Amino acid sequence: MLTKLRCAFAGALLVVTSPIFAQTYSIDETQIRAQLVAIQSASLSAELAGVIKTLSAQEGRAFKKGQTLLAFNCDLQKTQWQKSKAQLESAEATYRSNQRLYELSSVSELQLESSRIEVDMASADADYYAGVIDKCSVPAPFNGVVGEVAVKALQYVQEGQPLLNFVNPNRLQLEFIVPTRWLNWLQQGSQFSIAVDDTQKSYQAKVVRISPSADPVSQSIKVIGEVIGQHKELIPGMSGSLTFATSE
């Protein structure tokens, strides 16, 4: 059953009440708020269980893409990898020998096929342990700054246990909500300014994306913007009020 929405306007304050949710949503059109959010951020968890051998990541420390943030003690896994590579070499040698013997009718086709299967199995084992070795170190996927570090060096961690999180503070975007009827004039490239509470400064910005779907209850839509230029004092989590160059 469709439920009617009751809308009341008091000045510039849009109030939408929905009996479906028994909740009132409001958007003060005279003071749209926005928050700075990092475009690049990540929370890392352990992909294998083991003891942390080295931990270079520290809260607030900057790092470069590819830099090792954390490494596990993988001596046992490396030994298993060496063993699997030796078994692969042995299986390949046996298969090559059987190929020559098969040509001389000294071994059956079944024996030749069995030796080929042994090569495939040994190759799979070698690939598996090579993949494990790749997980023994945690490289940074992008330039950034370490946030929270949840572990310590020499600590044993379980697979899936949180390790650390980090962000790239140099790539920020603005996220905010506006009434859907603003779409009559708001579009990609629309200019506005944001007065950031934390810095007590105003910055020029522009709309870069608009959500393709609206919230039918609050009659609002999410907008993504970006600050024009580089401003090192701006960091994720800061917020402020927006002023648009064009308004109704």
C-alpha atoms as a PDB file:
ATOM      1  CA  MET A   1       0.000   0.000   0.000  1.00  0.00           C
ATOM      2  CA  LEU A   2       1.308   3.408  -0.926  1.00  0.00           C
ATOM      3  CA  THR A   3       1.707   5.858   1.943  1.00  0.00           C
ATOM      4  CA  LYS A   4       1.289   9.571   1.358  1.00  0.00           C
ATOM      5  CA  LEU A   5       4.065  11.920   2.505  1.00  0.00           C
ATOM      6  CA  ARG A   6       3.106  15.102   4.348  1.00  0.00           C
ATOM      7  CA  CYS A   7       5.397  18.047   3.568  1.00  0.00           C
ATOM      8  CA  ALA A   8       5.431  21.290   5.537  1.00  0.00           C
ATOM      9  CA  PHE A   9       7.518  24.331   4.654  1.00  0.00           C
ATOM     10  CA  ALA A  10       8.535  26.879   7.251  1.00  0.00           C
ATOM     11  CA  GLY A  11      10.704  29.489   5.621  1.00  0.00           C
ATOM     12  CA  ALA A  12      13.582  27.635   4.024  1.00  0.00           C
ATOM     13  CA  LEU A  13      13.246  24.555   6.199  1.00  0.00           C
ATOM     14  CA  LEU A  14      12.002  21.480   4.355  1.00  0.00           C
ATOM     15  CA  VAL A  15      10.315  18.953   6.659  1.00  0.00           C
ATOM     16  CA  VAL A  16       9.265  15.525   5.412  1.00  0.00           C
ATOM     17  CA  THR A  17       7.305  13.177   7.677  1.00  0.00           C
ATOM     18  CA  SER A  18       6.848   9.531   6.740  1.00  0.00           C
ATOM     19  CA  PRO A  19       4.451   7.305   8.729  1.00  0.00           C
ATOM     20  CA  ILE A  20       6.315   4.334   7.242  1.00  0.00           C
ATOM     21  CA  PHE A  21       9.429   5.046   9.290  1.00  0.00           C
ATOM     22  CA  ALA A  22       7.764   7.066  12.063  1.00  0.00           C
ATOM     23  CA  GLN A  23      10.595   9.579  11.710  1.00  0.00           C
ATOM     24  CA  THR A  24      10.977  13.162  10.519  1.00  0.00           C
ATOM     25  CA  TYR A  25      13.775  14.202   8.157  1.00  0.00           C
ATOM     26  CA  SER A  26      14.721  17.834   7.625  1.00  0.00           C
ATOM     27  CA  ILE A  27      17.093  19.751   5.399  1.00  0.00           C
ATOM     28  CA  ASP A  28      17.922  23.340   6.240  1.00  0.00           C
ATOM     29  CA  GLU A  29      18.266  24.735   2.729  1.00  0.00           C
ATOM     30  CA  THR A  30      19.953  27.873   4.044  1.00  0.00           C
ATOM     31  CA  GLN A  31      22.834  25.924   5.576  1.00  0.00           C
ATOM     32  CA  ILE A  32      23.901  22.824   3.695  1.00  0.00           C
ATOM     33  CA  ARG A  33      26.676  20.977   5.528  1.00  0.00           C
ATOM     34  CA  ALA A  34      29.478  18.966   3.915  1.00  0.00           C
ATOM     35  CA  GLN A  35      32.200  16.671   5.215  1.00  0.00           C
ATOM     36  CA  LEU A  36      35.683  16.071   3.849  1.00  0.00           C
ATOM     37  CA  VAL A  37      36.234  12.399   3.069  1.00  0.00           C
ATOM     38  CA  ALA A  38      39.393  10.675   1.842  1.00  0.00           C
ATOM     39  CA  ILE A  39      39.031   9.246  -1.672  1.00  0.00           C
ATOM     40  CA  GLN A  40      41.718   6.667  -0.906  1.00  0.00           C
ATOM     41  CA  SER A  41      41.492   4.834   2.415  1.00  0.00           C
ATOM     42  CA  ALA A  42      41.955   1.235   3.501  1.00  0.00           C
ATOM     43  CA  SER A  43      41.652  -1.041   6.511  1.00  0.00           C
ATOM     44  CA  LEU A  44      43.950  -4.059   6.325  1.00  0.00           C
ATOM     45  CA  SER A  45      43.445  -7.457   7.940  1.00  0.00           C
ATOM     46  CA  ALA A  46      45.845 -10.400   8.167  1.00  0.00           C
ATOM     47  CA  GLU A  47      45.657 -12.733   5.179  1.00  0.00           C
ATOM     48  CA  LEU A  48      47.479 -15.451   7.093  1.00  0.00           C
ATOM     49  CA  ALA A  49      48.081 -16.457  10.690  1.00  0.00           C
ATOM     50  CA  GLY A  50      51.542 -15.880  12.095  1.00  0.00           C
ATOM     51  CA  VAL A  51      53.958 -13.757  14.103  1.00  0.00           C
ATOM     52  CA  ILE A  52      54.637 -10.171  13.038  1.00  0.00           C
ATOM     53  CA  LYS A  53      58.366  -9.927  12.344  1.00  0.00           C
ATOM     54  CA  THR A  54      58.667  -6.231  11.507  1.00  0.00           C
ATOM     55  CA  LEU A  55      56.245  -3.329  11.876  1.00  0.00           C
ATOM     56  CA  SER A  56      57.284  -0.029  10.324  1.00  0.00           C
ATOM     57  CA  ALA A  57      53.796   1.494  10.332  1.00  0.00           C
ATOM     58  CA  GLN A  58      53.227   4.050  13.088  1.00  0.00           C
ATOM     59  CA  GLU A  59      50.249   6.289  13.693  1.00  0.00           C
ATOM     60  CA  GLY A  60      50.641   9.581  11.857  1.00  0.00           C
ATOM     61  CA  ARG A  61      53.660   8.416   9.819  1.00  0.00           C
ATOM     62  CA  ALA A  62      53.597   9.044   6.078  1.00  0.00           C
ATOM     63  CA  PHE A  63      54.554   6.338   3.600  1.00  0.00           C
ATOM     64  CA  LYS A  64      55.061   5.856  -0.129  1.00  0.00           C
ATOM     65  CA  LYS A  65      53.283   3.455  -2.450  1.00  0.00           C
ATOM     66  CA  GLY A  66      54.980   0.049  -2.374  1.00  0.00           C
ATOM     67  CA  GLN A  67      56.675   0.624   0.980  1.00  0.00           C
ATOM     68  CA  THR A  68      56.464  -2.389   3.329  1.00  0.00           C
ATOM     69  CA  LEU A  69      54.265  -1.496   6.293  1.00  0.00           C
ATOM     70  CA  LEU A  70      54.350  -4.866   8.036  1.00  0.00           C
ATOM     71  CA  ALA A  71      55.990  -8.269   7.536  1.00  0.00           C
ATOM     72  CA  PHE A  72      55.328 -11.708   9.007  1.00  0.00           C
ATOM     73  CA  ASN A  73      57.848 -14.342  10.058  1.00  0.00           C
ATOM     74  CA  CYS A  74      57.488 -16.788   7.155  1.00  0.00           C
ATOM     75  CA  ASP A  75      60.583 -18.966   7.591  1.00  0.00           C
ATOM     76  CA  LEU A  76      58.467 -22.147   7.659  1.00  0.00           C
ATOM     77  CA  GLN A  77      56.467 -21.124   4.588  1.00  0.00           C
ATOM     78  CA  LYS A  78      59.668 -20.314   2.703  1.00  0.00           C
ATOM     79  CA  THR A  79      61.050 -23.762   3.524  1.00  0.00           C
ATOM     80  CA  GLN A  80      57.852 -25.370   2.250  1.00  0.00           C
ATOM     81  CA  TRP A  81      58.094 -23.278  -0.906  1.00  0.00           C
ATOM     82  CA  GLN A  82      61.667 -24.448  -1.524  1.00  0.00           C
ATOM     83  CA  LYS A  83      60.556 -28.038  -0.992  1.00  0.00           C
ATOM     84  CA  SER A  84      57.654 -27.658  -3.421  1.00  0.00           C
ATOM     85  CA  LYS A  85      59.972 -26.204  -6.074  1.00  0.00           C
ATOM     86  CA  ALA A  86      62.343 -29.182  -5.666  1.00  0.00           C
ATOM     87  CA  GLN A  87      59.434 -31.595  -6.001  1.00  0.00           C
ATOM     88  CA  LEU A  88      58.335 -29.787  -9.162  1.00  0.00           C
ATOM     89  CA  GLU A  89      61.815 -30.094 -10.680  1.00  0.00           C
ATOM     90  CA  SER A  90      61.841 -33.817  -9.856  1.00  0.00           C
ATOM     91  CA  ALA A  91      58.400 -34.353 -11.378  1.00  0.00           C
ATOM     92  CA  GLU A  92      59.388 -32.480 -14.525  1.00  0.00           C
ATOM     93  CA  ALA A  93      62.547 -34.580 -14.894  1.00  0.00           C
ATOM     94  CA  THR A  94      60.525 -37.788 -14.523  1.00  0.00           C
ATOM     95  CA  TYR A  95      58.018 -36.626 -17.111  1.00  0.00           C
ATOM     96  CA  ARG A  96      60.753 -35.745 -19.616  1.00  0.00           C
ATOM     97  CA  SER A  97      62.324 -39.149 -19.085  1.00  0.00           C
ATOM     98  CA  ASN A  98      58.996 -40.907 -19.565  1.00  0.00           C
ATOM     99  CA  GLN A  99      58.415 -38.959 -22.774  1.00  0.00           C
ATOM    100  CA  ARG A 100      61.642 -40.381 -24.218  1.00  0.00           C
ATOM    101  CA  LEU A 101      60.840 -43.873 -22.958  1.00  0.00           C
ATOM    102  CA  TYR A 102      57.334 -43.655 -24.391  1.00  0.00           C
ATOM    103  CA  GLU A 103      58.794 -42.878 -27.809  1.00  0.00           C
ATOM    104  CA  LEU A 104      60.848 -46.086 -27.425  1.00  0.00           C
ATOM    105  CA  SER A 105      57.750 -47.990 -26.270  1.00  0.00           C
ATOM    106  CA  SER A 106      59.402 -48.631 -22.909  1.00  0.00           C
ATOM    107  CA  VAL A 107      56.577 -47.117 -20.817  1.00  0.00           C
ATOM    108  CA  SER A 108      52.834 -47.148 -21.319  1.00  0.00           C
ATOM    109  CA  GLU A 109      50.694 -44.158 -22.171  1.00  0.00           C
ATOM    110  CA  LEU A 110      49.148 -44.450 -18.711  1.00  0.00           C
ATOM    111  CA  GLN A 111      52.582 -44.122 -17.056  1.00  0.00           C
ATOM    112  CA  LEU A 112      53.338 -41.077 -19.201  1.00  0.00           C
ATOM    113  CA  GLU A 113      50.023 -39.453 -18.306  1.00  0.00           C
ATOM    114  CA  SER A 114      50.550 -40.209 -14.610  1.00  0.00           C
ATOM    115  CA  SER A 115      53.932 -38.470 -14.671  1.00  0.00           C
ATOM    116  CA  ARG A 116      52.360 -35.461 -16.377  1.00  0.00           C
ATOM    117  CA  ILE A 117      49.714 -35.293 -13.646  1.00  0.00           C
ATOM    118  CA  GLU A 118      52.477 -35.376 -11.031  1.00  0.00           C
ATOM    119  CA  VAL A 119      53.981 -32.306 -12.704  1.00  0.00           C
ATOM    120  CA  ASP A 120      50.646 -30.496 -12.540  1.00  0.00           C
ATOM    121  CA  MET A 121      50.211 -31.336  -8.861  1.00  0.00           C
ATOM    122  CA  ALA A 122      53.745 -30.259  -7.976  1.00  0.00           C
ATOM    123  CA  SER A 123      53.271 -27.034  -9.940  1.00  0.00           C
ATOM    124  CA  ALA A 124      50.044 -26.290  -8.066  1.00  0.00           C
ATOM    125  CA  ASP A 125      51.805 -26.791  -4.719  1.00  0.00           C
ATOM    126  CA  ALA A 126      54.651 -24.488  -5.763  1.00  0.00           C
ATOM    127  CA  ASP A 127      52.168 -21.819  -6.884  1.00  0.00           C
ATOM    128  CA  TYR A 128      50.280 -22.140  -3.597  1.00  0.00           C
ATOM    129  CA  TYR A 129      53.333 -21.580  -1.422  1.00  0.00           C
ATOM    130  CA  ALA A 130      54.500 -18.761  -3.694  1.00  0.00           C
ATOM    131  CA  GLY A 131      51.139 -17.093  -3.041  1.00  0.00           C
ATOM    132  CA  VAL A 132      51.598 -17.553   0.705  1.00  0.00           C
ATOM    133  CA  ILE A 133      55.038 -15.945   0.518  1.00  0.00           C
ATOM    134  CA  ASP A 134      53.499 -12.932  -1.256  1.00  0.00           C
ATOM    135  CA  LYS A 135      51.231 -12.430   1.756  1.00  0.00           C
ATOM    136  CA  CYS A 136      54.149 -12.409   4.199  1.00  0.00           C
ATOM    137  CA  SER A 137      54.699  -8.688   3.634  1.00  0.00           C
ATOM    138  CA  VAL A 138      52.125  -5.909   3.440  1.00  0.00           C
ATOM    139  CA  PRO A 139      53.068  -3.185   0.932  1.00  0.00           C
ATOM    140  CA  ALA A 140      51.326   0.189   0.817  1.00  0.00           C
ATOM    141  CA  PRO A 141      48.836   0.312  -2.096  1.00  0.00           C
ATOM    142  CA  PHE A 142      49.123   4.102  -2.401  1.00  0.00           C
ATOM    143  CA  ASN A 143      50.828   7.138  -0.851  1.00  0.00           C
ATOM    144  CA  GLY A 144      49.285   8.006   2.470  1.00  0.00           C
ATOM    145  CA  VAL A 145      49.452   8.365   6.234  1.00  0.00           C
ATOM    146  CA  VAL A 146      48.956   5.628   8.814  1.00  0.00           C
ATOM    147  CA  GLY A 147      45.887   5.982  10.998  1.00  0.00           C
ATOM    148  CA  GLU A 148      45.269   3.385  13.707  1.00  0.00           C
ATOM    149  CA  VAL A 149      47.687   0.477  14.235  1.00  0.00           C
ATOM    150  CA  ALA A 150      45.927  -2.435  15.947  1.00  0.00           C
ATOM    151  CA  VAL A 151      48.911  -4.798  16.410  1.00  0.00           C
ATOM    152  CA  LYS A 152      52.506  -4.804  17.678  1.00  0.00           C
ATOM    153  CA  ALA A 153      55.770  -6.317  16.499  1.00  0.00           C
ATOM    154  CA  LEU A 154      56.329  -9.956  17.602  1.00  0.00           C
ATOM    155  CA  GLN A 155      52.593 -10.354  18.196  1.00  0.00           C
ATOM    156  CA  TYR A 156      50.849 -13.495  16.910  1.00  0.00           C
ATOM    157  CA  VAL A 157      47.772 -12.684  14.844  1.00  0.00           C
ATOM    158  CA  GLN A 158      44.981 -14.836  13.440  1.00  0.00           C
ATOM    159  CA  GLU A 159      43.885 -14.843   9.826  1.00  0.00           C
ATOM    160  CA  GLY A 160      41.374 -12.037   9.325  1.00  0.00           C
ATOM    161  CA  GLN A 161      42.510 -10.065  12.389  1.00  0.00           C
ATOM    162  CA  PRO A 162      42.599  -6.261  11.821  1.00  0.00           C
ATOM    163  CA  LEU A 163      46.111  -4.880  11.405  1.00  0.00           C
ATOM    164  CA  LEU A 164      45.971  -1.172  10.588  1.00  0.00           C
ATOM    165  CA  ASN A 165      44.212   1.486   8.550  1.00  0.00           C
ATOM    166  CA  PHE A 166      45.470   4.431   6.548  1.00  0.00           C
ATOM    167  CA  VAL A 167      44.328   7.242   4.265  1.00  0.00           C
ATOM    168  CA  ASN A 168      45.675   9.496   1.554  1.00  0.00           C
ATOM    169  CA  PRO A 169      45.039  12.985   3.017  1.00  0.00           C
ATOM    170  CA  ASN A 170      46.018  14.653  -0.254  1.00  0.00           C
ATOM    171  CA  ARG A 171      43.022  13.279  -2.156  1.00  0.00           C
ATOM    172  CA  LEU A 172      39.836  14.527  -0.536  1.00  0.00           C
ATOM    173  CA  GLN A 173      36.261  14.926  -1.652  1.00  0.00           C
ATOM    174  CA  LEU A 174      33.235  16.690  -0.189  1.00  0.00           C
ATOM    175  CA  GLU A 175      30.049  14.763   0.531  1.00  0.00           C
ATOM    176  CA  PHE A 176      26.754  16.510   1.229  1.00  0.00           C
ATOM    177  CA  ILE A 177      22.986  16.171   0.864  1.00  0.00           C
ATOM    178  CA  VAL A 178      20.715  18.632  -0.960  1.00  0.00           C
ATOM    179  CA  PRO A 179      16.971  18.707  -1.758  1.00  0.00           C
ATOM    180  CA  THR A 180      16.143  16.918  -4.993  1.00  0.00           C
ATOM    181  CA  ARG A 181      14.398  20.010  -6.385  1.00  0.00           C
ATOM    182  CA  TRP A 182      17.812  21.694  -6.466  1.00  0.00           C
ATOM    183  CA  LEU A 183      18.499  19.507  -9.490  1.00  0.00           C
ATOM    184  CA  ASN A 184      16.589  22.140 -11.480  1.00  0.00           C
ATOM    185  CA  TRP A 185      19.791  24.197 -11.412  1.00  0.00           C
ATOM    186  CA  LEU A 186      22.503  22.163  -9.634  1.00  0.00           C
ATOM    187  CA  GLN A 187      24.710  20.180 -12.009  1.00  0.00           C
ATOM    188  CA  GLN A 188      28.206  18.840 -12.484  1.00  0.00           C
ATOM    189  CA  GLY A 189      30.636  21.748 -12.460  1.00  0.00           C
ATOM    190  CA  SER A 190      28.426  24.019 -10.326  1.00  0.00           C
ATOM    191  CA  GLN A 191      30.621  26.314  -8.224  1.00  0.00           C
ATOM    192  CA  PHE A 192      30.279  26.833  -4.481  1.00  0.00           C
ATOM    193  CA  SER A 193      32.351  27.749  -1.441  1.00  0.00           C
ATOM    194  CA  ILE A 194      32.776  25.895   1.832  1.00  0.00           C
ATOM    195  CA  ALA A 195      33.496  27.585   5.160  1.00  0.00           C
ATOM    196  CA  VAL A 196      35.390  24.923   7.106  1.00  0.00           C
ATOM    197  CA  ASP A 197      34.720  25.099  10.832  1.00  0.00           C
ATOM    198  CA  ASP A 198      38.086  23.635  11.851  1.00  0.00           C
ATOM    199  CA  THR A 199      40.276  26.066   9.884  1.00  0.00           C
ATOM    200  CA  GLN A 200      37.981  29.120  10.020  1.00  0.00           C
ATOM    201  CA  LYS A 201      38.653  29.607   6.299  1.00  0.00           C
ATOM    202  CA  SER A 202      36.575  29.491   3.129  1.00  0.00           C
ATOM    203  CA  TYR A 203      37.568  27.483   0.050  1.00  0.00           C
ATOM    204  CA  GLN A 204      36.285  27.417  -3.505  1.00  0.00           C
ATOM    205  CA  ALA A 205      34.883  24.094  -4.653  1.00  0.00           C
ATOM    206  CA  LYS A 206      32.832  22.513  -7.419  1.00  0.00           C
ATOM    207  CA  VAL A 207      30.388  19.650  -7.945  1.00  0.00           C
ATOM    208  CA  VAL A 208      32.017  16.606  -9.568  1.00  0.00           C
ATOM    209  CA  ARG A 209      29.297  13.958  -9.239  1.00  0.00           C
ATOM    210  CA  ILE A 210      25.631  13.670  -8.328  1.00  0.00           C
ATOM    211  CA  SER A 211      24.076  10.427  -7.109  1.00  0.00           C
ATOM    212  CA  PRO A 212      21.896   8.747  -9.756  1.00  0.00           C
ATOM    213  CA  SER A 213      19.148   7.994  -7.210  1.00  0.00           C
ATOM    214  CA  ALA A 214      17.300  10.083  -4.643  1.00  0.00           C
ATOM    215  CA  ASP A 215      15.935   9.280  -1.193  1.00  0.00           C
ATOM    216  CA  PRO A 216      12.144   9.273  -1.630  1.00  0.00           C
ATOM    217  CA  VAL A 217      11.489   9.825   2.080  1.00  0.00           C
ATOM    218  CA  SER A 218      13.606  12.918   2.675  1.00  0.00           C
ATOM    219  CA  GLN A 219      13.354  14.072  -0.968  1.00  0.00           C
ATOM    220  CA  SER A 220      17.099  14.568  -0.985  1.00  0.00           C
ATOM    221  CA  ILE A 221      20.088  13.441  -3.017  1.00  0.00           C
ATOM    222  CA  LYS A 222      23.794  12.939  -2.330  1.00  0.00           C
ATOM    223  CA  VAL A 223      26.335  15.173  -4.066  1.00  0.00           C
ATOM    224  CA  ILE A 224      30.106  14.783  -4.335  1.00  0.00           C
ATOM    225  CA  GLY A 225      32.329  17.846  -4.681  1.00  0.00           C
ATOM    226  CA  GLU A 226      36.000  18.712  -4.536  1.00  0.00           C
ATOM    227  CA  VAL A 227      37.957  21.665  -3.203  1.00  0.00           C
ATOM    228  CA  ILE A 228      39.772  23.585  -5.917  1.00  0.00           C
ATOM    229  CA  GLY A 229      43.537  23.707  -5.376  1.00  0.00           C
ATOM    230  CA  GLN A 230      45.793  22.114  -2.767  1.00  0.00           C
ATOM    231  CA  HIS A 231      45.336  22.988   0.902  1.00  0.00           C
ATOM    232  CA  LYS A 232      47.547  20.992   3.279  1.00  0.00           C
ATOM    233  CA  GLU A 233      45.603  22.125   6.328  1.00  0.00           C
ATOM    234  CA  LEU A 234      42.510  20.211   5.181  1.00  0.00           C
ATOM    235  CA  ILE A 235      42.228  16.630   6.453  1.00  0.00           C
ATOM    236  CA  PRO A 236      39.516  13.936   6.380  1.00  0.00           C
ATOM    237  CA  GLY A 237      36.735  14.420   8.910  1.00  0.00           C
ATOM    238  CA  MET A 238      36.618  18.220   8.774  1.00  0.00           C
ATOM    239  CA  SER A 239      33.280  19.776   7.884  1.00  0.00           C
ATOM    240  CA  GLY A 240      31.729  23.102   7.048  1.00  0.00           C
ATOM    241  CA  SER A 241      28.836  25.057   5.560  1.00  0.00           C
ATOM    242  CA  LEU A 242      28.306  25.527   1.830  1.00  0.00           C
ATOM    243  CA  THR A 243      27.356  28.625  -0.119  1.00  0.00           C
ATOM    244  CA  PHE A 244      26.387  28.159  -3.763  1.00  0.00           C
ATOM    245  CA  ALA A 245      26.996  30.698  -6.485  1.00  0.00           C
ATOM    246  CA  THR A 246      23.525  29.881  -7.831  1.00  0.00           C
ATOM    247  CA  SER A 247      20.480  29.484  -5.621  1.00  0.00           C
ATOM    248  CA  GLU A 248      16.753  29.366  -5.986  1.00  0.00           C
END
